[in-house]
Amino acid sequence: MNLLLDGLALLGAGIGAGIAALGAGVGIGKIGGSAVESIARQPQESGKIQTAMLIAAAFIEGVALFGVVVCFLIYAAQ
């Protein structure tokens, strides 16, 4: 019985980490696409756009990393 619960906890942690990584990938992709489109429309503002894009991408990566760590901590607490 304990082996089954360990397996389910590991499965849940893996699925949660995968969803967090998938969400981060989609979010960063949308940010990158919007930034490229914005730079194409206003090339003189490319420095400001790139800075804002990198800051937003870093925040998304931080949240995704936090989600992955929480998933594995939940598994480790099992």
PDB file of N, CA and C in Angstrom:
ATOM      1  N   MET A   1       0.827  -1.202   0.000  1.00  0.00           N
ATOM      2  CA  MET A   1       0.000   0.000   0.000  1.00  0.00           C
ATOM      3  C   MET A   1       0.869   1.264   0.000  1.00  0.00           C
ATOM      4  N   ASN A   2       1.917   1.246   0.789  1.00  0.00           N
ATOM      5  CA  ASN A   2       2.801   2.404   0.854  1.00  0.00           C
ATOM      6  C   ASN A   2       3.505   2.635  -0.480  1.00  0.00           C
ATOM      7  N   LEU A   3       3.822   1.557  -1.179  1.00  0.00           N
ATOM      8  CA  LEU A   3       4.466   1.675  -2.482  1.00  0.00           C
ATOM      9  C   LEU A   3       3.544   2.361  -3.488  1.00  0.00           C
ATOM     10  N   LEU A   4       2.256   2.062  -3.411  1.00  0.00           N
ATOM     11  CA  LEU A   4       1.276   2.700  -4.291  1.00  0.00           C
ATOM     12  C   LEU A   4       1.198   4.196  -4.024  1.00  0.00           C
ATOM     13  N   LEU A   5       1.177   4.590  -2.756  1.00  0.00           N
ATOM     14  CA  LEU A   5       1.110   6.010  -2.420  1.00  0.00           C
ATOM     15  C   LEU A   5       2.371   6.741  -2.854  1.00  0.00           C
ATOM     16  N   ASP A   6       3.524   6.099  -2.714  1.00  0.00           N
ATOM     17  CA  ASP A   6       4.773   6.709  -3.172  1.00  0.00           C
ATOM     18  C   ASP A   6       4.752   6.910  -4.677  1.00  0.00           C
ATOM     19  N   GLY A   7       4.253   5.934  -5.388  1.00  0.00           N
ATOM     20  CA  GLY A   7       4.168   6.041  -6.839  1.00  0.00           C
ATOM     21  C   GLY A   7       3.224   7.148  -7.272  1.00  0.00           C
ATOM     22  N   LEU A   8       2.074   7.257  -6.590  1.00  0.00           N
ATOM     23  CA  LEU A   8       1.121   8.311  -6.926  1.00  0.00           C
ATOM     24  C   LEU A   8       1.679   9.692  -6.589  1.00  0.00           C
ATOM     25  N   ALA A   9       2.408   9.790  -5.481  1.00  0.00           N
ATOM     26  CA  ALA A   9       3.020  11.074  -5.119  1.00  0.00           C
ATOM     27  C   ALA A   9       4.060  11.478  -6.154  1.00  0.00           C
ATOM     28  N   LEU A  10       4.844  10.518  -6.606  1.00  0.00           N
ATOM     29  CA  LEU A  10       5.847  10.813  -7.630  1.00  0.00           C
ATOM     30  C   LEU A  10       5.175  11.202  -8.946  1.00  0.00           C
ATOM     31  N   LEU A  11       4.106  10.513  -9.301  1.00  0.00           N
ATOM     32  CA  LEU A  11       3.363  10.846 -10.513  1.00  0.00           C
ATOM     33  C   LEU A  11       2.773  12.246 -10.427  1.00  0.00           C
ATOM     34  N   GLY A  12       2.181  12.572  -9.287  1.00  0.00           N
ATOM     35  CA  GLY A  12       1.620  13.908  -9.098  1.00  0.00           C
ATOM     36  C   GLY A  12       2.675  14.993  -9.162  1.00  0.00           C
ATOM     37  N   ALA A  13       3.828  14.733  -8.553  1.00  0.00           N
ATOM     38  CA  ALA A  13       4.919  15.717  -8.593  1.00  0.00           C
ATOM     39  C   ALA A  13       5.414  15.909 -10.018  1.00  0.00           C
ATOM     40  N   GLY A  14       5.537  14.834 -10.754  1.00  0.00           N
ATOM     41  CA  GLY A  14       5.983  14.941 -12.141  1.00  0.00           C
ATOM     42  C   GLY A  14       4.996  15.680 -13.015  1.00  0.00           C
ATOM     43  N   ILE A  15       3.720  15.392 -12.841  1.00  0.00           N
ATOM     44  CA  ILE A  15       2.697  16.073 -13.637  1.00  0.00           C
ATOM     45  C   ILE A  15       2.643  17.552 -13.269  1.00  0.00           C
ATOM     46  N   GLY A  16       2.716  17.854 -11.977  1.00  0.00           N
ATOM     47  CA  GLY A  16       2.698  19.256 -11.549  1.00  0.00           C
ATOM     48  C   GLY A  16       3.887  20.030 -12.076  1.00  0.00           C
ATOM     49  N   ALA A  17       5.063  19.430 -12.015  1.00  0.00           N
ATOM     50  CA  ALA A  17       6.264  20.099 -12.532  1.00  0.00           C
ATOM     51  C   ALA A  17       6.155  20.301 -14.042  1.00  0.00           C
ATOM     52  N   GLY A  18       5.600  19.327 -14.730  1.00  0.00           N
ATOM     53  CA  GLY A  18       5.425  19.457 -16.179  1.00  0.00           C
ATOM     54  C   GLY A  18       4.447  20.560 -16.541  1.00  0.00           C
ATOM     55  N   ILE A  19       3.363  20.669 -15.802  1.00  0.00           N
ATOM     56  CA  ILE A  19       2.391  21.727 -16.062  1.00  0.00           C
ATOM     57  C   ILE A  19       3.003  23.100 -15.783  1.00  0.00           C
ATOM     58  N   ALA A  20       3.796  23.198 -14.709  1.00  0.00           N
ATOM     59  CA  ALA A  20       4.458  24.474 -14.403  1.00  0.00           C
ATOM     60  C   ALA A  20       5.424  24.860 -15.519  1.00  0.00           C
ATOM     61  N   ALA A  21       6.186  23.910 -16.013  1.00  0.00           N
ATOM     62  CA  ALA A  21       7.133  24.191 -17.092  1.00  0.00           C
ATOM     63  C   ALA A  21       6.399  24.531 -18.389  1.00  0.00           C
ATOM     64  N   LEU A  22       5.309  23.840 -18.660  1.00  0.00           N
ATOM     65  CA  LEU A  22       4.524  24.114 -19.859  1.00  0.00           C
ATOM     66  C   LEU A  22       3.917  25.517 -19.809  1.00  0.00           C
ATOM     67  N   GLY A  23       3.385  25.877 -18.670  1.00  0.00           N
ATOM     68  CA  GLY A  23       2.813  27.212 -18.515  1.00  0.00           C
ATOM     69  C   GLY A  23       3.855  28.300 -18.694  1.00  0.00           C
ATOM     70  N   ALA A  24       5.042  28.069 -18.147  1.00  0.00           N
ATOM     71  CA  ALA A  24       6.117  29.048 -18.299  1.00  0.00           C
ATOM     72  C   ALA A  24       6.537  29.165 -19.765  1.00  0.00           C
ATOM     73  N   GLY A  25       6.616  28.045 -20.455  1.00  0.00           N
ATOM     74  CA  GLY A  25       6.990  28.080 -21.868  1.00  0.00           C
ATOM     75  C   GLY A  25       5.986  28.842 -22.708  1.00  0.00           C
ATOM     76  N   VAL A  26       4.717  28.625 -22.451  1.00  0.00           N
ATOM     77  CA  VAL A  26       3.670  29.346 -23.189  1.00  0.00           C
ATOM     78  C   VAL A  26       3.731  30.839 -22.873  1.00  0.00           C
ATOM     79  N   GLY A  27       3.892  31.173 -21.603  1.00  0.00           N
ATOM     80  CA  GLY A  27       3.945  32.583 -21.212  1.00  0.00           C
ATOM     81  C   GLY A  27       5.129  33.309 -21.809  1.00  0.00           C
ATOM     82  N   ILE A  28       6.299  32.693 -21.755  1.00  0.00           N
ATOM     83  CA  ILE A  28       7.493  33.327 -22.309  1.00  0.00           C
ATOM     84  C   ILE A  28       7.391  33.417 -23.836  1.00  0.00           C
ATOM     85  N   GLY A  29       6.777  32.429 -24.454  1.00  0.00           N
ATOM     86  CA  GLY A  29       6.570  32.487 -25.901  1.00  0.00           C
ATOM     87  C   GLY A  29       5.664  33.646 -26.302  1.00  0.00           C
ATOM     88  N   LYS A  30       4.601  33.855 -25.532  1.00  0.00           N
ATOM     89  CA  LYS A  30       3.707  34.980 -25.822  1.00  0.00           C
ATOM     90  C   LYS A  30       4.411  36.311 -25.607  1.00  0.00           C
ATOM     91  N   ILE A  31       5.222  36.400 -24.553  1.00  0.00           N
ATOM     92  CA  ILE A  31       5.956  37.632 -24.302  1.00  0.00           C
ATOM     93  C   ILE A  31       6.942  37.897 -25.437  1.00  0.00           C
ATOM     94  N   GLY A  32       7.676  36.878 -25.839  1.00  0.00           N
ATOM     95  CA  GLY A  32       8.650  37.041 -26.922  1.00  0.00           C
ATOM     96  C   GLY A  32       7.996  37.438 -28.227  1.00  0.00           C
ATOM     97  N   GLY A  33       6.899  36.798 -28.565  1.00  0.00           N
ATOM     98  CA  GLY A  33       6.196  37.135 -29.798  1.00  0.00           C
ATOM     99  C   GLY A  33       5.668  38.557 -29.787  1.00  0.00           C
ATOM    100  N   SER A  34       5.106  38.962 -28.657  1.00  0.00           N
ATOM    101  CA  SER A  34       4.596  40.326 -28.552  1.00  0.00           C
ATOM    102  C   SER A  34       5.725  41.347 -28.605  1.00  0.00           C
ATOM    103  N   ALA A  35       6.868  41.003 -28.002  1.00  0.00           N
ATOM    104  CA  ALA A  35       8.004  41.929 -28.025  1.00  0.00           C
ATOM    105  C   ALA A  35       8.537  42.101 -29.440  1.00  0.00           C
ATOM    106  N   VAL A  36       8.649  41.019 -30.180  1.00  0.00           N
ATOM    107  CA  VAL A  36       9.123  41.115 -31.565  1.00  0.00           C
ATOM    108  C   VAL A  36       8.158  41.943 -32.400  1.00  0.00           C
ATOM    109  N   GLU A  37       6.881  41.729 -32.196  1.00  0.00           N
ATOM    110  CA  GLU A  37       5.874  42.506 -32.924  1.00  0.00           C
ATOM    111  C   GLU A  37       5.956  43.993 -32.560  1.00  0.00           C
ATOM    112  N   SER A  38       6.165  44.276 -31.295  1.00  0.00           N
ATOM    113  CA  SER A  38       6.271  45.664 -30.854  1.00  0.00           C
ATOM    114  C   SER A  38       7.524  46.329 -31.412  1.00  0.00           C
ATOM    115  N   ILE A  39       8.624  45.599 -31.435  1.00  0.00           N
ATOM    116  CA  ILE A  39       9.863  46.157 -31.976  1.00  0.00           C
ATOM    117  C   ILE A  39       9.723  46.400 -33.482  1.00  0.00           C
ATOM    118  N   ALA A  40       8.992  45.531 -34.158  1.00  0.00           N
ATOM    119  CA  ALA A  40       8.776  45.735 -35.592  1.00  0.00           C
ATOM    120  C   ALA A  40       7.955  46.992 -35.856  1.00  0.00           C
ATOM    121  N   ARG A  41       7.046  47.309 -34.949  1.00  0.00           N
ATOM    122  CA  ARG A  41       6.213  48.500 -35.132  1.00  0.00           C
ATOM    123  C   ARG A  41       6.932  49.779 -34.709  1.00  0.00           C
ATOM    124  N   GLN A  42       7.734  49.695 -33.641  1.00  0.00           N
ATOM    125  CA  GLN A  42       8.438  50.865 -33.129  1.00  0.00           C
ATOM    126  C   GLN A  42       9.897  50.511 -32.843  1.00  0.00           C
ATOM    127  N   PRO A  43      10.729  50.450 -33.864  1.00  0.00           N
ATOM    128  CA  PRO A  43      12.115  50.040 -33.664  1.00  0.00           C
ATOM    129  C   PRO A  43      12.914  50.990 -32.775  1.00  0.00           C
ATOM    130  N   GLN A  44      12.518  52.237 -32.683  1.00  0.00           N
ATOM    131  CA  GLN A  44      13.249  53.184 -31.848  1.00  0.00           C
ATOM    132  C   GLN A  44      13.087  52.883 -30.355  1.00  0.00           C
ATOM    133  N   GLU A  45      12.098  52.115 -29.988  1.00  0.00           N
ATOM    134  CA  GLU A  45      11.848  51.764 -28.583  1.00  0.00           C
ATOM    135  C   GLU A  45      12.328  50.353 -28.242  1.00  0.00           C
ATOM    136  N   SER A  46      13.192  49.793 -29.064  1.00  0.00           N
ATOM    137  CA  SER A  46      13.580  48.386 -28.875  1.00  0.00           C
ATOM    138  C   SER A  46      14.273  48.139 -27.542  1.00  0.00           C
ATOM    139  N   GLY A  47      15.080  49.086 -27.063  1.00  0.00           N
ATOM    140  CA  GLY A  47      15.768  48.900 -25.787  1.00  0.00           C
ATOM    141  C   GLY A  47      14.802  48.775 -24.621  1.00  0.00           C
ATOM    142  N   LYS A  48      13.809  49.650 -24.583  1.00  0.00           N
ATOM    143  CA  LYS A  48      12.811  49.609 -23.507  1.00  0.00           C
ATOM    144  C   LYS A  48      11.966  48.340 -23.592  1.00  0.00           C
ATOM    145  N   ILE A  49      11.612  47.949 -24.804  1.00  0.00           N
ATOM    146  CA  ILE A  49      10.788  46.752 -24.988  1.00  0.00           C
ATOM    147  C   ILE A  49      11.553  45.509 -24.558  1.00  0.00           C
ATOM    148  N   GLN A  50      12.825  45.422 -24.951  1.00  0.00           N
ATOM    149  CA  GLN A  50      13.629  44.259 -24.571  1.00  0.00           C
ATOM    150  C   GLN A  50      13.813  44.181 -23.068  1.00  0.00           C
ATOM    151  N   THR A  51      14.025  45.319 -22.429  1.00  0.00           N
ATOM    152  CA  THR A  51      14.191  45.332 -20.976  1.00  0.00           C
ATOM    153  C   THR A  51      12.929  44.836 -20.279  1.00  0.00           C
ATOM    154  N   ALA A  52      11.792  45.352 -20.697  1.00  0.00           N
ATOM    155  CA  ALA A  52      10.521  44.922 -20.098  1.00  0.00           C
ATOM    156  C   ALA A  52      10.263  43.444 -20.359  1.00  0.00           C
ATOM    157  N   MET A  53      10.616  42.977 -21.561  1.00  0.00           N
ATOM    158  CA  MET A  53      10.417  41.568 -21.900  1.00  0.00           C
ATOM    159  C   MET A  53      11.275  40.671 -21.012  1.00  0.00           C
ATOM    160  N   LEU A  54      12.536  41.038 -20.831  1.00  0.00           N
ATOM    161  CA  LEU A  54      13.433  40.209 -20.014  1.00  0.00           C
ATOM    162  C   LEU A  54      13.009  40.181 -18.555  1.00  0.00           C
ATOM    163  N   ILE A  55      12.545  41.296 -18.028  1.00  0.00           N
ATOM    164  CA  ILE A  55      12.077  41.329 -16.639  1.00  0.00           C
ATOM    165  C   ILE A  55      10.847  40.442 -16.471  1.00  0.00           C
ATOM    166  N   ALA A  56       9.906  40.547 -17.404  1.00  0.00           N
ATOM    167  CA  ALA A  56       8.696  39.718 -17.325  1.00  0.00           C
ATOM    168  C   ALA A  56       9.038  38.234 -17.465  1.00  0.00           C
ATOM    169  N   ALA A  57       9.951  37.906 -18.375  1.00  0.00           N
ATOM    170  CA  ALA A  57      10.351  36.506 -18.552  1.00  0.00           C
ATOM    171  C   ALA A  57      11.037  35.972 -17.303  1.00  0.00           C
ATOM    172  N   ALA A  58      11.839  36.807 -16.648  1.00  0.00           N
ATOM    173  CA  ALA A  58      12.503  36.371 -15.420  1.00  0.00           C
ATOM    174  C   ALA A  58      11.491  36.095 -14.317  1.00  0.00           C
ATOM    175  N   PHE A  59      10.462  36.932 -14.207  1.00  0.00           N
ATOM    176  CA  PHE A  59       9.426  36.689 -13.202  1.00  0.00           C
ATOM    177  C   PHE A  59       8.666  35.394 -13.491  1.00  0.00           C
ATOM    178  N   ILE A  60       8.377  35.150 -14.751  1.00  0.00           N
ATOM    179  CA  ILE A  60       7.674  33.913 -15.109  1.00  0.00           C
ATOM    180  C   ILE A  60       8.540  32.698 -14.785  1.00  0.00           C
ATOM    181  N   GLU A  61       9.832  32.774 -15.105  1.00  0.00           N
ATOM    182  CA  GLU A  61      10.737  31.663 -14.780  1.00  0.00           C
ATOM    183  C   GLU A  61      10.800  31.432 -13.281  1.00  0.00           C
ATOM    184  N   GLY A  62      10.806  32.518 -12.514  1.00  0.00           N
ATOM    185  CA  GLY A  62      10.829  32.389 -11.052  1.00  0.00           C
ATOM    186  C   GLY A  62       9.595  31.681 -10.522  1.00  0.00           C
ATOM    187  N   VAL A  63       8.438  32.043 -11.043  1.00  0.00           N
ATOM    188  CA  VAL A  63       7.196  31.399 -10.610  1.00  0.00           C
ATOM    189  C   VAL A  63       7.182  29.929 -11.021  1.00  0.00           C
ATOM    190  N   ALA A  64       7.662  29.636 -12.223  1.00  0.00           N
ATOM    191  CA  ALA A  64       7.707  28.243 -12.685  1.00  0.00           C
ATOM    192  C   ALA A  64       8.658  27.417 -11.831  1.00  0.00           C
ATOM    193  N   LEU A  65       9.810  27.974 -11.506  1.00  0.00           N
ATOM    194  CA  LEU A  65      10.762  27.266 -10.649  1.00  0.00           C
ATOM    195  C   LEU A  65      10.164  27.029  -9.264  1.00  0.00           C
ATOM    196  N   PHE A  66       9.455  28.024  -8.742  1.00  0.00           N
ATOM    197  CA  PHE A  66       8.789  27.858  -7.457  1.00  0.00           C
ATOM    198  C   PHE A  66       7.766  26.730  -7.526  1.00  0.00           C
ATOM    199  N   GLY A  67       7.003  26.659  -8.606  1.00  0.00           N
ATOM    200  CA  GLY A  67       6.016  25.584  -8.765  1.00  0.00           C
ATOM    201  C   GLY A  67       6.667  24.211  -8.814  1.00  0.00           C
ATOM    202  N   VAL A  68       7.787  24.098  -9.522  1.00  0.00           N
ATOM    203  CA  VAL A  68       8.491  22.815  -9.604  1.00  0.00           C
ATOM    204  C   VAL A  68       9.035  22.421  -8.236  1.00  0.00           C
ATOM    205  N   VAL A  69       9.604  23.375  -7.517  1.00  0.00           N
ATOM    206  CA  VAL A  69      10.153  23.085  -6.185  1.00  0.00           C
ATOM    207  C   VAL A  69       9.043  22.654  -5.232  1.00  0.00           C
ATOM    208  N   VAL A  70       7.902  23.321  -5.287  1.00  0.00           N
ATOM    209  CA  VAL A  70       6.781  22.936  -4.426  1.00  0.00           C
ATOM    210  C   VAL A  70       6.313  21.523  -4.750  1.00  0.00           C
ATOM    211  N   CYS A  71       6.250  21.179  -6.024  1.00  0.00           N
ATOM    212  CA  CYS A  71       5.846  19.819  -6.410  1.00  0.00           C
ATOM    213  C   CYS A  71       6.792  18.779  -5.816  1.00  0.00           C
ATOM    214  N   PHE A  72       8.084  19.027  -5.908  1.00  0.00           N
ATOM    215  CA  PHE A  72       9.029  18.049  -5.389  1.00  0.00           C
ATOM    216  C   PHE A  72       9.082  18.050  -3.866  1.00  0.00           C
ATOM    217  N   LEU A  73       8.807  19.184  -3.226  1.00  0.00           N
ATOM    218  CA  LEU A  73       8.725  19.201  -1.759  1.00  0.00           C
ATOM    219  C   LEU A  73       7.513  18.418  -1.275  1.00  0.00           C
ATOM    220  N   ILE A  74       6.417  18.523  -1.991  1.00  0.00           N
ATOM    221  CA  ILE A  74       5.238  17.741  -1.627  1.00  0.00           C
ATOM    222  C   ILE A  74       5.535  16.261  -1.740  1.00  0.00           C
ATOM    223  N   TYR A  75       6.260  15.885  -2.800  1.00  0.00           N
ATOM    224  CA  TYR A  75       6.650  14.477  -2.952  1.00  0.00           C
ATOM    225  C   TYR A  75       7.592  14.055  -1.828  1.00  0.00           C
ATOM    226  N   ALA A  76       8.539  14.908  -1.484  1.00  0.00           N
ATOM    227  CA  ALA A  76       9.520  14.549  -0.450  1.00  0.00           C
ATOM    228  C   ALA A  76       8.862  14.436   0.927  1.00  0.00           C
ATOM    229  N   ALA A  77       7.795  15.180   1.160  1.00  0.00           N
ATOM    230  CA  ALA A  77       7.105  15.120   2.442  1.00  0.00           C
ATOM    231  C   ALA A  77       6.270  13.862   2.582  1.00  0.00           C
ATOM    232  N   GLN A  78       6.057  13.173   1.494  1.00  0.00           N
ATOM    233  CA  GLN A  78       5.238  11.954   1.499  1.00  0.00           C
ATOM    234  C   GLN A  78       5.858  10.836   2.285  1.00  0.00           C
TER     235      GLN A  78
END
